[in-house]
Amino acid sequence: MKPILKILIHAIYWMVFGSFSLAVSVLQHGDEWPLLSNINPHYFINFAWAAVAFYLFYFYFIRFFERKQFFLYLFFSVLLSIAITIVFLLVHKIFYHSFNLLDLHVFGPPIAGTFIILQTGILVRGFETWFSNIQLKTELENKNLKNELELLKSQVNPHFLFNTLNNIDSLIHSIPDNASAALITLSEMLRYMIYETKTDTVPLQKEINYLKNYIRLQQLRFRNPDYIRVSFPDSCRGEQIAPMLFIPFIENAFKFSTDKGIYPVIDISVFCNAKSVLFTCVNYYSQEKTANNKTGGLGLCNVKRRLDLLYAENYSLNIKNESPTFNVELRIDL
């Protein structure tokens, strides 16, 4: 808890205590509200009495409560209530010689009041500790959440890079003339991944451009131009989105797609407006191909986790595995 907040809590407490003490004094003596210059020493002695009791337990004796030494805590509460009461009644006797310390009507109620003030010191200190722990817990959760998001993002990026380098290796052997174009495309994609995805969100248009580059690189593998169909908006109006959310779905579509003579084999689309983004990806696949590859679900698991962390209730993800097609529909509310 910030020091200024602690000072404010204590200031409010003593203002309330002081006002209450004045009110009790007026009710007891039937006087009008006294001026500061007319307040008798009795009031100031009581204020010092309360401050000593309050801060003894606030600073020192709270340790017994924190250590769950409740017997010692109760023992010192009673003992100090009696001791402090005796000390300050003796101070009162200096100004009021008529005080009879052996009178239970004089001695009893102050002990009870002192005991209550001791517990109030504990309560205030406990509240401050509880509030500080809540702040610390929130801060740690935010840091852990940020670290987890960075870890999940880093797991997606190498996974994508691994697959892409394999594709380029195949391209170098099969179509060497297009290897340079593929490397340039990959360079643009890596530049985006390394330098522009460090923020929590990126412009949706840049994410779409990244997807176009990825698909352009993949299209070099296929001779049939109808193998892939894409539908992207020509431009977006500044919508922001978390980076690298769509690529695992597209990546898996290319990895597991199978040409069954029905075109397009892969159908990818993005629609956006000021309120939401809708991403769809459909591909034909072979069950044998997916059964032989057990690592394909890594990217999907990570993107689901990122969606839970980043968008919570503000997204819907529907995945339908209806052989021979695999359908993904992701809607994100902006």
C-alpha atoms as a PDB file:
ATOM      1  CA  MET A   1       0.000   0.000   0.000  1.00  0.00           C
ATOM      2  CA  LYS A   2       1.290   3.464  -0.885  1.00  0.00           C
ATOM      3  CA  PRO A   3       2.382   5.612   2.101  1.00  0.00           C
ATOM      4  CA  ILE A   4      -0.006   8.421   1.142  1.00  0.00           C
ATOM      5  CA  LEU A   5      -2.932   5.988   1.323  1.00  0.00           C
ATOM      6  CA  LYS A   6      -1.837   4.780   4.768  1.00  0.00           C
ATOM      7  CA  ILE A   7      -1.586   8.376   5.982  1.00  0.00           C
ATOM      8  CA  LEU A   8      -5.068   9.063   4.649  1.00  0.00           C
ATOM      9  CA  ILE A   9      -6.532   6.007   6.424  1.00  0.00           C
ATOM     10  CA  HIS A  10      -4.960   6.995   9.751  1.00  0.00           C
ATOM     11  CA  ALA A  11      -5.970  10.637   9.356  1.00  0.00           C
ATOM     12  CA  ILE A  12      -9.584   9.661   8.744  1.00  0.00           C
ATOM     13  CA  TYR A  13      -9.537   7.257  11.704  1.00  0.00           C
ATOM     14  CA  TRP A  14      -8.259   9.883  14.153  1.00  0.00           C
ATOM     15  CA  MET A  15     -10.605  12.534  12.817  1.00  0.00           C
ATOM     16  CA  VAL A  16     -13.524  10.190  13.444  1.00  0.00           C
ATOM     17  CA  PHE A  17     -12.157   9.233  16.867  1.00  0.00           C
ATOM     18  CA  GLY A  18     -11.624  12.858  17.858  1.00  0.00           C
ATOM     19  CA  SER A  19     -15.089  13.882  16.721  1.00  0.00           C
ATOM     20  CA  PHE A  20     -16.640  10.927  18.558  1.00  0.00           C
ATOM     21  CA  SER A  21     -14.772  11.788  21.756  1.00  0.00           C
ATOM     22  CA  LEU A  22     -16.005  15.371  21.607  1.00  0.00           C
ATOM     23  CA  ALA A  23     -19.555  14.175  21.002  1.00  0.00           C
ATOM     24  CA  VAL A  24     -19.369  11.829  24.011  1.00  0.00           C
ATOM     25  CA  SER A  25     -17.984  14.639  26.171  1.00  0.00           C
ATOM     26  CA  VAL A  26     -20.846  16.936  25.187  1.00  0.00           C
ATOM     27  CA  LEU A  27     -23.468  14.256  25.873  1.00  0.00           C
ATOM     28  CA  GLN A  28     -21.977  13.451  29.246  1.00  0.00           C
ATOM     29  CA  HIS A  29     -21.729  17.046  30.484  1.00  0.00           C
ATOM     30  CA  GLY A  30     -24.625  18.594  28.553  1.00  0.00           C
ATOM     31  CA  ASP A  31     -22.375  21.373  27.273  1.00  0.00           C
ATOM     32  CA  GLU A  32     -22.407  22.999  23.893  1.00  0.00           C
ATOM     33  CA  TRP A  33     -19.692  22.079  21.402  1.00  0.00           C
ATOM     34  CA  PRO A  34     -16.533  23.485  22.998  1.00  0.00           C
ATOM     35  CA  LEU A  35     -14.069  25.777  21.321  1.00  0.00           C
ATOM     36  CA  LEU A  36     -10.526  24.454  20.915  1.00  0.00           C
ATOM     37  CA  SER A  37      -9.265  26.906  23.506  1.00  0.00           C
ATOM     38  CA  ASN A  38     -11.813  25.648  26.011  1.00  0.00           C
ATOM     39  CA  ILE A  39     -11.147  21.928  25.657  1.00  0.00           C
ATOM     40  CA  ASN A  40      -9.880  20.645  28.967  1.00  0.00           C
ATOM     41  CA  PRO A  41      -6.783  18.437  29.466  1.00  0.00           C
ATOM     42  CA  HIS A  42      -9.039  15.424  29.933  1.00  0.00           C
ATOM     43  CA  TYR A  43      -9.718  15.344  26.176  1.00  0.00           C
ATOM     44  CA  PHE A  44      -6.044  15.493  25.177  1.00  0.00           C
ATOM     45  CA  ILE A  45      -5.072  12.862  27.713  1.00  0.00           C
ATOM     46  CA  ASN A  46      -7.721  10.531  26.313  1.00  0.00           C
ATOM     47  CA  PHE A  47      -6.466  11.181  22.779  1.00  0.00           C
ATOM     48  CA  ALA A  48      -2.869  10.322  23.772  1.00  0.00           C
ATOM     49  CA  TRP A  49      -4.226   7.301  25.678  1.00  0.00           C
ATOM     50  CA  ALA A  50      -5.939   6.000  22.532  1.00  0.00           C
ATOM     51  CA  ALA A  51      -2.891   6.693  20.330  1.00  0.00           C
ATOM     52  CA  VAL A  52      -0.529   4.735  22.608  1.00  0.00           C
ATOM     53  CA  ALA A  53      -2.906   1.765  22.787  1.00  0.00           C
ATOM     54  CA  PHE A  54      -3.608   1.814  19.058  1.00  0.00           C
ATOM     55  CA  TYR A  55      -0.005   1.976  17.852  1.00  0.00           C
ATOM     56  CA  LEU A  56       1.393  -0.493  20.377  1.00  0.00           C
ATOM     57  CA  PHE A  57      -0.705  -3.206  18.777  1.00  0.00           C
ATOM     58  CA  TYR A  58      -0.496  -1.728  15.274  1.00  0.00           C
ATOM     59  CA  PHE A  59       3.326  -1.874  15.199  1.00  0.00           C
ATOM     60  CA  TYR A  60       4.380  -4.494  17.724  1.00  0.00           C
ATOM     61  CA  PHE A  61       1.837  -6.894  19.190  1.00  0.00           C
ATOM     62  CA  ILE A  62       0.290  -7.746  15.818  1.00  0.00           C
ATOM     63  CA  ARG A  63       3.153 -10.206  15.397  1.00  0.00           C
ATOM     64  CA  PHE A  64       1.454 -12.595  17.833  1.00  0.00           C
ATOM     65  CA  PHE A  65      -1.691 -12.525  15.724  1.00  0.00           C
ATOM     66  CA  GLU A  66       0.247 -12.994  12.467  1.00  0.00           C
ATOM     67  CA  ARG A  67       2.095 -15.961  13.954  1.00  0.00           C
ATOM     68  CA  LYS A  68      -1.265 -17.407  15.112  1.00  0.00           C
ATOM     69  CA  GLN A  69      -0.160 -17.209  18.754  1.00  0.00           C
ATOM     70  CA  PHE A  70      -3.675 -16.365  19.804  1.00  0.00           C
ATOM     71  CA  PHE A  71      -3.244 -17.165  23.497  1.00  0.00           C
ATOM     72  CA  LEU A  72      -0.309 -14.751  23.812  1.00  0.00           C
ATOM     73  CA  TYR A  73      -2.214 -12.207  21.757  1.00  0.00           C
ATOM     74  CA  LEU A  74      -5.239 -12.374  24.066  1.00  0.00           C
ATOM     75  CA  PHE A  75      -3.008 -12.349  27.171  1.00  0.00           C
ATOM     76  CA  PHE A  76      -1.174  -9.192  26.100  1.00  0.00           C
ATOM     77  CA  SER A  77      -4.423  -7.574  24.996  1.00  0.00           C
ATOM     78  CA  VAL A  78      -5.885  -7.925  28.492  1.00  0.00           C
ATOM     79  CA  LEU A  79      -2.620  -7.136  30.285  1.00  0.00           C
ATOM     80  CA  LEU A  80      -1.915  -3.992  28.297  1.00  0.00           C
ATOM     81  CA  SER A  81      -5.503  -2.843  28.542  1.00  0.00           C
ATOM     82  CA  ILE A  82      -5.138  -2.870  32.331  1.00  0.00           C
ATOM     83  CA  ALA A  83      -1.602  -1.427  32.368  1.00  0.00           C
ATOM     84  CA  ILE A  84      -2.316   1.432  29.945  1.00  0.00           C
ATOM     85  CA  THR A  85      -5.533   2.264  31.768  1.00  0.00           C
ATOM     86  CA  ILE A  86      -3.708   2.490  35.120  1.00  0.00           C
ATOM     87  CA  VAL A  87      -0.975   4.714  33.659  1.00  0.00           C
ATOM     88  CA  PHE A  88      -3.329   7.187  32.041  1.00  0.00           C
ATOM     89  CA  LEU A  89      -5.742   7.268  34.991  1.00  0.00           C
ATOM     90  CA  LEU A  90      -2.756   8.274  37.109  1.00  0.00           C
ATOM     91  CA  VAL A  91      -2.088  11.045  34.597  1.00  0.00           C
ATOM     92  CA  HIS A  92      -5.736  12.081  34.879  1.00  0.00           C
ATOM     93  CA  LYS A  93      -5.414  12.174  38.675  1.00  0.00           C
ATOM     94  CA  ILE A  94      -2.789  14.892  38.324  1.00  0.00           C
ATOM     95  CA  PHE A  95      -5.478  17.175  36.900  1.00  0.00           C
ATOM     96  CA  TYR A  96      -8.489  15.640  38.683  1.00  0.00           C
ATOM     97  CA  HIS A  97      -7.601  14.785  42.255  1.00  0.00           C
ATOM     98  CA  SER A  98     -11.079  13.450  42.878  1.00  0.00           C
ATOM     99  CA  PHE A  99     -10.433  10.341  40.740  1.00  0.00           C
ATOM    100  CA  ASN A 100     -10.750   7.180  42.808  1.00  0.00           C
ATOM    101  CA  LEU A 101      -8.802   4.468  41.001  1.00  0.00           C
ATOM    102  CA  LEU A 102     -10.297   1.796  43.210  1.00  0.00           C
ATOM    103  CA  ASP A 103     -13.814   2.630  42.032  1.00  0.00           C
ATOM    104  CA  LEU A 104     -14.888   0.072  39.463  1.00  0.00           C
ATOM    105  CA  HIS A 105     -17.108   2.654  37.762  1.00  0.00           C
ATOM    106  CA  VAL A 106     -13.949   4.699  37.105  1.00  0.00           C
ATOM    107  CA  PHE A 107     -11.614   1.798  36.429  1.00  0.00           C
ATOM    108  CA  GLY A 108     -13.787  -0.740  34.581  1.00  0.00           C
ATOM    109  CA  PRO A 109     -15.125   1.069  31.470  1.00  0.00           C
ATOM    110  CA  PRO A 110     -11.717   2.553  30.488  1.00  0.00           C
ATOM    111  CA  ILE A 111     -10.219  -0.947  30.462  1.00  0.00           C
ATOM    112  CA  ALA A 112     -12.952  -2.118  28.084  1.00  0.00           C
ATOM    113  CA  GLY A 113     -12.458   0.971  25.906  1.00  0.00           C
ATOM    114  CA  THR A 114      -8.698   0.456  25.829  1.00  0.00           C
ATOM    115  CA  PHE A 115      -9.193  -3.191  24.838  1.00  0.00           C
ATOM    116  CA  ILE A 116     -11.433  -2.120  21.936  1.00  0.00           C
ATOM    117  CA  ILE A 117      -8.890   0.453  20.733  1.00  0.00           C
ATOM    118  CA  LEU A 118      -6.144  -2.190  20.832  1.00  0.00           C
ATOM    119  CA  GLN A 119      -8.229  -4.407  18.562  1.00  0.00           C
ATOM    120  CA  THR A 120      -8.915  -1.466  16.269  1.00  0.00           C
ATOM    121  CA  GLY A 121      -5.169  -1.059  15.754  1.00  0.00           C
ATOM    122  CA  ILE A 122      -4.999  -4.701  14.742  1.00  0.00           C
ATOM    123  CA  LEU A 123      -7.945  -4.309  12.376  1.00  0.00           C
ATOM    124  CA  VAL A 124      -6.439  -1.288  10.618  1.00  0.00           C
ATOM    125  CA  ARG A 125      -3.071  -3.013  10.283  1.00  0.00           C
ATOM    126  CA  GLY A 126      -4.783  -6.165   9.032  1.00  0.00           C
ATOM    127  CA  PHE A 127      -6.724  -4.202   6.441  1.00  0.00           C
ATOM    128  CA  GLU A 128      -3.536  -2.546   5.186  1.00  0.00           C
ATOM    129  CA  THR A 129      -1.779  -5.916   4.970  1.00  0.00           C
ATOM    130  CA  TRP A 130      -4.748  -7.467   3.152  1.00  0.00           C
ATOM    131  CA  PHE A 131      -4.914  -4.583   0.682  1.00  0.00           C
ATOM    132  CA  SER A 132      -1.160  -4.760   0.045  1.00  0.00           C
ATOM    133  CA  ASN A 133      -1.386  -8.506  -0.534  1.00  0.00           C
ATOM    134  CA  ILE A 134      -4.222  -7.974  -3.026  1.00  0.00           C
ATOM    135  CA  GLN A 135      -2.117  -5.418  -4.905  1.00  0.00           C
ATOM    136  CA  LEU A 136       0.912  -7.714  -4.875  1.00  0.00           C
ATOM    137  CA  LYS A 137      -1.144 -10.681  -6.032  1.00  0.00           C
ATOM    138  CA  THR A 138      -2.641  -8.636  -8.865  1.00  0.00           C
ATOM    139  CA  GLU A 139       0.790  -7.411  -9.910  1.00  0.00           C
ATOM    140  CA  LEU A 140       2.220 -10.927  -9.860  1.00  0.00           C
ATOM    141  CA  GLU A 141      -0.755 -12.274 -11.816  1.00  0.00           C
ATOM    142  CA  ASN A 142      -0.292  -9.552 -14.442  1.00  0.00           C
ATOM    143  CA  LYS A 143       3.414 -10.317 -14.715  1.00  0.00           C
ATOM    144  CA  ASN A 144       2.770 -14.049 -14.903  1.00  0.00           C
ATOM    145  CA  LEU A 145       0.070 -13.469 -17.502  1.00  0.00           C
ATOM    146  CA  LYS A 146       2.420 -11.346 -19.601  1.00  0.00           C
ATOM    147  CA  ASN A 147       5.188 -13.940 -19.295  1.00  0.00           C
ATOM    148  CA  GLU A 148       2.767 -16.730 -20.232  1.00  0.00           C
ATOM    149  CA  LEU A 149       1.561 -14.817 -23.287  1.00  0.00           C
ATOM    150  CA  GLU A 150       5.141 -14.196 -24.393  1.00  0.00           C
ATOM    151  CA  LEU A 151       5.942 -17.878 -23.910  1.00  0.00           C
ATOM    152  CA  LEU A 152       2.908 -18.986 -25.900  1.00  0.00           C
ATOM    153  CA  LYS A 153       3.715 -16.526 -28.663  1.00  0.00           C
ATOM    154  CA  SER A 154       7.323 -17.725 -28.795  1.00  0.00           C
ATOM    155  CA  GLN A 155       6.075 -21.309 -29.100  1.00  0.00           C
ATOM    156  CA  VAL A 156       3.911 -20.357 -32.082  1.00  0.00           C
ATOM    157  CA  ASN A 157       6.649 -18.496 -33.947  1.00  0.00           C
ATOM    158  CA  PRO A 158       9.331 -21.245 -33.979  1.00  0.00           C
ATOM    159  CA  HIS A 159       6.646 -23.775 -34.877  1.00  0.00           C
ATOM    160  CA  PHE A 160       5.699 -21.696 -37.886  1.00  0.00           C
ATOM    161  CA  LEU A 161       9.340 -21.074 -38.822  1.00  0.00           C
ATOM    162  CA  PHE A 162      10.106 -24.801 -38.666  1.00  0.00           C
ATOM    163  CA  ASN A 163       7.342 -25.627 -41.120  1.00  0.00           C
ATOM    164  CA  THR A 164       8.195 -22.748 -43.453  1.00  0.00           C
ATOM    165  CA  LEU A 165      11.876 -23.659 -43.684  1.00  0.00           C
ATOM    166  CA  ASN A 166      10.880 -27.202 -44.605  1.00  0.00           C
ATOM    167  CA  ASN A 167       8.676 -25.813 -47.360  1.00  0.00           C
ATOM    168  CA  ILE A 168      11.498 -23.647 -48.704  1.00  0.00           C
ATOM    169  CA  ASP A 169      13.849 -26.616 -48.647  1.00  0.00           C
ATOM    170  CA  SER A 170      11.387 -28.529 -50.804  1.00  0.00           C
ATOM    171  CA  LEU A 171      11.028 -25.511 -53.084  1.00  0.00           C
ATOM    172  CA  ILE A 172      14.785 -25.191 -53.602  1.00  0.00           C
ATOM    173  CA  HIS A 173      14.958 -28.766 -54.867  1.00  0.00           C
ATOM    174  CA  SER A 174      11.788 -28.725 -56.936  1.00  0.00           C
ATOM    175  CA  ILE A 175      11.603 -25.166 -58.322  1.00  0.00           C
ATOM    176  CA  PRO A 176      14.996 -23.486 -57.811  1.00  0.00           C
ATOM    177  CA  ASP A 177      14.053 -20.488 -59.982  1.00  0.00           C
ATOM    178  CA  ASN A 178      11.441 -19.465 -57.426  1.00  0.00           C
ATOM    179  CA  ALA A 179      13.682 -19.959 -54.370  1.00  0.00           C
ATOM    180  CA  SER A 180      14.766 -16.298 -54.326  1.00  0.00           C
ATOM    181  CA  ALA A 181      11.165 -15.059 -54.365  1.00  0.00           C
ATOM    182  CA  ALA A 182      10.322 -17.461 -51.542  1.00  0.00           C
ATOM    183  CA  LEU A 183      13.231 -16.214 -49.432  1.00  0.00           C
ATOM    184  CA  ILE A 184      12.230 -12.588 -49.965  1.00  0.00           C
ATOM    185  CA  THR A 185       8.692 -13.418 -48.922  1.00  0.00           C
ATOM    186  CA  LEU A 186       9.982 -15.241 -45.851  1.00  0.00           C
ATOM    187  CA  SER A 187      12.224 -12.278 -45.023  1.00  0.00           C
ATOM    188  CA  GLU A 188       9.215  -9.954 -44.997  1.00  0.00           C
ATOM    189  CA  MET A 189       7.313 -12.369 -42.800  1.00  0.00           C
ATOM    190  CA  LEU A 190      10.201 -12.724 -40.330  1.00  0.00           C
ATOM    191  CA  ARG A 191      10.585  -8.954 -40.168  1.00  0.00           C
ATOM    192  CA  TYR A 192       6.954  -8.697 -39.189  1.00  0.00           C
ATOM    193  CA  MET A 193       7.243 -11.495 -36.619  1.00  0.00           C
ATOM    194  CA  ILE A 194      10.415 -10.162 -34.986  1.00  0.00           C
ATOM    195  CA  TYR A 195       9.870  -6.421 -34.996  1.00  0.00           C
ATOM    196  CA  GLU A 196       6.129  -5.798 -35.176  1.00  0.00           C
ATOM    197  CA  THR A 197       4.549  -8.463 -32.985  1.00  0.00           C
ATOM    198  CA  LYS A 198       6.188  -7.344 -29.729  1.00  0.00           C
ATOM    199  CA  THR A 199       3.159  -5.237 -28.877  1.00  0.00           C
ATOM    200  CA  ASP A 200      -0.065  -6.613 -27.427  1.00  0.00           C
ATOM    201  CA  THR A 201      -1.995  -5.710 -30.581  1.00  0.00           C
ATOM    202  CA  VAL A 202      -1.165  -4.891 -34.196  1.00  0.00           C
ATOM    203  CA  PRO A 203      -3.211  -3.313 -36.988  1.00  0.00           C
ATOM    204  CA  LEU A 204      -5.439  -5.951 -38.525  1.00  0.00           C
ATOM    205  CA  GLN A 205      -4.308  -4.896 -41.997  1.00  0.00           C
ATOM    206  CA  LYS A 206      -0.687  -5.788 -41.166  1.00  0.00           C
ATOM    207  CA  GLU A 207      -1.782  -9.179 -39.868  1.00  0.00           C
ATOM    208  CA  ILE A 208      -3.683  -9.765 -43.111  1.00  0.00           C
ATOM    209  CA  ASN A 209      -0.637  -8.765 -45.163  1.00  0.00           C
ATOM    210  CA  TYR A 210       1.372 -11.274 -43.189  1.00  0.00           C
ATOM    211  CA  LEU A 211      -1.169 -13.998 -43.983  1.00  0.00           C
ATOM    212  CA  LYS A 212      -1.078 -13.061 -47.667  1.00  0.00           C
ATOM    213  CA  ASN A 213       2.706 -13.470 -47.683  1.00  0.00           C
ATOM    214  CA  TYR A 214       2.441 -16.831 -46.017  1.00  0.00           C
ATOM    215  CA  ILE A 215      -0.179 -18.063 -48.481  1.00  0.00           C
ATOM    216  CA  ARG A 216       1.794 -16.628 -51.416  1.00  0.00           C
ATOM    217  CA  LEU A 217       4.803 -18.654 -50.322  1.00  0.00           C
ATOM    218  CA  GLN A 218       2.719 -21.800 -49.941  1.00  0.00           C
ATOM    219  CA  GLN A 219       1.073 -21.371 -53.347  1.00  0.00           C
ATOM    220  CA  LEU A 220       4.457 -21.879 -54.977  1.00  0.00           C
ATOM    221  CA  ARG A 221       4.162 -25.544 -54.022  1.00  0.00           C
ATOM    222  CA  PHE A 222       0.961 -26.126 -55.987  1.00  0.00           C
ATOM    223  CA  ARG A 223       0.538 -26.099 -59.741  1.00  0.00           C
ATOM    224  CA  ASN A 224      -3.234 -25.929 -59.651  1.00  0.00           C
ATOM    225  CA  PRO A 225      -4.239 -22.270 -59.090  1.00  0.00           C
ATOM    226  CA  ASP A 226      -7.619 -23.423 -57.749  1.00  0.00           C
ATOM    227  CA  TYR A 227      -6.035 -25.350 -54.881  1.00  0.00           C
ATOM    228  CA  ILE A 228      -6.330 -22.333 -52.582  1.00  0.00           C
ATOM    229  CA  ARG A 229      -9.089 -19.725 -52.400  1.00  0.00           C
ATOM    230  CA  VAL A 230      -8.706 -16.640 -50.252  1.00  0.00           C
ATOM    231  CA  SER A 231     -11.027 -13.782 -49.401  1.00  0.00           C
ATOM    232  CA  PHE A 232      -9.490 -10.870 -47.547  1.00  0.00           C
ATOM    233  CA  PRO A 233     -10.757  -7.296 -47.133  1.00  0.00           C
ATOM    234  CA  ASP A 234      -9.025  -4.766 -49.348  1.00  0.00           C
ATOM    235  CA  SER A 235      -8.430  -2.511 -46.360  1.00  0.00           C
ATOM    236  CA  CYS A 236      -9.345  -2.237 -42.703  1.00  0.00           C
ATOM    237  CA  ARG A 237     -10.190   0.920 -40.820  1.00  0.00           C
ATOM    238  CA  GLY A 238      -7.569   0.742 -38.109  1.00  0.00           C
ATOM    239  CA  GLU A 239      -8.912  -2.284 -36.257  1.00  0.00           C
ATOM    240  CA  GLN A 240      -6.374  -3.785 -33.823  1.00  0.00           C
ATOM    241  CA  ILE A 241      -5.912  -7.465 -33.018  1.00  0.00           C
ATOM    242  CA  ALA A 242      -3.486  -9.667 -31.107  1.00  0.00           C
ATOM    243  CA  PRO A 243      -0.753 -10.874 -33.493  1.00  0.00           C
ATOM    244  CA  MET A 244      -0.233 -14.408 -34.745  1.00  0.00           C
ATOM    245  CA  LEU A 245      -3.676 -15.760 -33.894  1.00  0.00           C
ATOM    246  CA  PHE A 246      -4.782 -16.966 -37.328  1.00  0.00           C
ATOM    247  CA  ILE A 247      -1.564 -18.453 -38.645  1.00  0.00           C
ATOM    248  CA  PRO A 248      -1.697 -21.768 -36.688  1.00  0.00           C
ATOM    249  CA  PHE A 249      -5.052 -22.621 -38.311  1.00  0.00           C
ATOM    250  CA  ILE A 250      -3.768 -21.773 -41.797  1.00  0.00           C
ATOM    251  CA  GLU A 251      -0.537 -23.587 -41.087  1.00  0.00           C
ATOM    252  CA  ASN A 252      -2.392 -26.771 -40.160  1.00  0.00           C
ATOM    253  CA  ALA A 253      -4.661 -26.451 -43.196  1.00  0.00           C
ATOM    254  CA  PHE A 254      -1.646 -26.576 -45.492  1.00  0.00           C
ATOM    255  CA  LYS A 255       0.072 -29.285 -43.469  1.00  0.00           C
ATOM    256  CA  PHE A 256      -2.854 -31.712 -43.494  1.00  0.00           C
ATOM    257  CA  SER A 257      -4.679 -30.754 -46.710  1.00  0.00           C
ATOM    258  CA  THR A 258      -5.259 -33.503 -49.269  1.00  0.00           C
ATOM    259  CA  ASP A 259      -6.257 -33.067 -52.896  1.00  0.00           C
ATOM    260  CA  LYS A 260      -9.459 -35.085 -53.305  1.00  0.00           C
ATOM    261  CA  GLY A 261     -10.337 -33.573 -56.662  1.00  0.00           C
ATOM    262  CA  ILE A 262     -12.712 -31.038 -55.075  1.00  0.00           C
ATOM    263  CA  TYR A 263     -11.573 -27.422 -55.326  1.00  0.00           C
ATOM    264  CA  PRO A 264     -10.651 -25.331 -53.529  1.00  0.00           C
ATOM    265  CA  VAL A 265      -8.887 -27.720 -51.211  1.00  0.00           C
ATOM    266  CA  ILE A 266      -8.184 -24.851 -48.813  1.00  0.00           C
ATOM    267  CA  ASP A 267     -10.617 -21.957 -48.406  1.00  0.00           C
ATOM    268  CA  ILE A 268      -9.539 -19.042 -46.178  1.00  0.00           C
ATOM    269  CA  SER A 269     -11.437 -15.831 -45.478  1.00  0.00           C
ATOM    270  CA  VAL A 270     -11.332 -12.819 -43.167  1.00  0.00           C
ATOM    271  CA  PHE A 271     -14.199 -10.371 -42.701  1.00  0.00           C
ATOM    272  CA  CYS A 272     -13.982  -7.339 -40.452  1.00  0.00           C
ATOM    273  CA  ASN A 273     -15.938  -4.368 -39.240  1.00  0.00           C
ATOM    274  CA  ALA A 274     -15.602  -1.892 -36.407  1.00  0.00           C
ATOM    275  CA  LYS A 275     -16.999  -4.370 -33.855  1.00  0.00           C
ATOM    276  CA  SER A 276     -15.617  -7.784 -34.767  1.00  0.00           C
ATOM    277  CA  VAL A 277     -13.370  -9.915 -36.967  1.00  0.00           C
ATOM    278  CA  LEU A 278     -14.513 -13.198 -38.473  1.00  0.00           C
ATOM    279  CA  PHE A 279     -11.897 -15.701 -39.630  1.00  0.00           C
ATOM    280  CA  THR A 280     -12.788 -18.945 -41.387  1.00  0.00           C
ATOM    281  CA  CYS A 281     -10.600 -21.731 -42.710  1.00  0.00           C
ATOM    282  CA  VAL A 282     -11.827 -24.933 -44.371  1.00  0.00           C
ATOM    283  CA  ASN A 283      -9.667 -27.671 -45.837  1.00  0.00           C
ATOM    284  CA  TYR A 284     -10.037 -31.205 -47.135  1.00  0.00           C
ATOM    285  CA  TYR A 285      -7.806 -33.715 -45.412  1.00  0.00           C
ATOM    286  CA  SER A 286      -6.942 -37.387 -45.172  1.00  0.00           C
ATOM    287  CA  GLN A 287      -7.391 -39.193 -41.861  1.00  0.00           C
ATOM    288  CA  GLU A 288      -4.282 -41.251 -42.527  1.00  0.00           C
ATOM    289  CA  LYS A 289      -2.244 -38.087 -42.961  1.00  0.00           C
ATOM    290  CA  THR A 290      -3.392 -36.603 -39.673  1.00  0.00           C
ATOM    291  CA  ALA A 291      -2.945 -39.899 -37.838  1.00  0.00           C
ATOM    292  CA  ASN A 292       0.705 -40.080 -38.897  1.00  0.00           C
ATOM    293  CA  ASN A 293       1.491 -36.579 -37.616  1.00  0.00           C
ATOM    294  CA  LYS A 294       1.091 -36.158 -33.869  1.00  0.00           C
ATOM    295  CA  THR A 295       2.681 -32.685 -33.575  1.00  0.00           C
ATOM    296  CA  GLY A 296       0.102 -30.737 -35.545  1.00  0.00           C
ATOM    297  CA  GLY A 297      -1.971 -29.844 -32.526  1.00  0.00           C
ATOM    298  CA  LEU A 298       0.751 -27.795 -30.814  1.00  0.00           C
ATOM    299  CA  GLY A 299      -0.085 -24.546 -32.569  1.00  0.00           C
ATOM    300  CA  LEU A 300      -3.849 -25.023 -32.095  1.00  0.00           C
ATOM    301  CA  CYS A 301      -3.504 -25.642 -28.360  1.00  0.00           C
ATOM    302  CA  ASN A 302      -1.366 -22.557 -27.949  1.00  0.00           C
ATOM    303  CA  VAL A 303      -3.664 -20.297 -29.925  1.00  0.00           C
ATOM    304  CA  LYS A 304      -6.641 -21.489 -27.860  1.00  0.00           C
ATOM    305  CA  ARG A 305      -4.743 -20.635 -24.687  1.00  0.00           C
ATOM    306  CA  ARG A 306      -3.832 -17.207 -26.026  1.00  0.00           C
ATOM    307  CA  LEU A 307      -7.449 -16.542 -26.945  1.00  0.00           C
ATOM    308  CA  ASP A 308      -8.544 -17.447 -23.413  1.00  0.00           C
ATOM    309  CA  LEU A 309      -5.943 -15.144 -21.899  1.00  0.00           C
ATOM    310  CA  LEU A 310      -6.397 -12.215 -24.264  1.00  0.00           C
ATOM    311  CA  TYR A 311     -10.082 -12.189 -25.121  1.00  0.00           C
ATOM    312  CA  ALA A 312     -11.741 -14.292 -22.402  1.00  0.00           C
ATOM    313  CA  GLU A 313     -15.485 -14.023 -23.082  1.00  0.00           C
ATOM    314  CA  ASN A 314     -15.018 -11.808 -26.133  1.00  0.00           C
ATOM    315  CA  TYR A 315     -14.415 -14.524 -28.688  1.00  0.00           C
ATOM    316  CA  SER A 316     -15.994 -17.673 -30.054  1.00  0.00           C
ATOM    317  CA  LEU A 317     -14.074 -20.531 -31.641  1.00  0.00           C
ATOM    318  CA  ASN A 318     -15.877 -23.327 -33.442  1.00  0.00           C
ATOM    319  CA  ILE A 319     -13.849 -26.222 -34.824  1.00  0.00           C
ATOM    320  CA  LYS A 320     -15.655 -28.977 -36.706  1.00  0.00           C
ATOM    321  CA  ASN A 321     -13.774 -32.063 -37.730  1.00  0.00           C
ATOM    322  CA  GLU A 322     -16.240 -33.591 -40.184  1.00  0.00           C
ATOM    323  CA  SER A 323     -14.251 -35.894 -42.434  1.00  0.00           C
ATOM    324  CA  PRO A 324     -13.189 -35.171 -45.099  1.00  0.00           C
ATOM    325  CA  THR A 325     -13.245 -31.455 -44.148  1.00  0.00           C
ATOM    326  CA  PHE A 326     -11.790 -29.552 -41.212  1.00  0.00           C
ATOM    327  CA  ASN A 327     -13.654 -26.310 -40.451  1.00  0.00           C
ATOM    328  CA  VAL A 328     -12.485 -23.429 -38.257  1.00  0.00           C
ATOM    329  CA  GLU A 329     -14.574 -20.356 -37.468  1.00  0.00           C
ATOM    330  CA  LEU A 330     -13.119 -17.751 -35.141  1.00  0.00           C
ATOM    331  CA  ARG A 331     -14.987 -14.571 -34.233  1.00  0.00           C
ATOM    332  CA  ILE A 332     -13.284 -11.931 -32.089  1.00  0.00           C
ATOM    333  CA  ASP A 333     -15.154  -8.979 -30.643  1.00  0.00           C
ATOM    334  CA  LEU A 334     -12.993  -5.886 -30.817  1.00  0.00           C
END
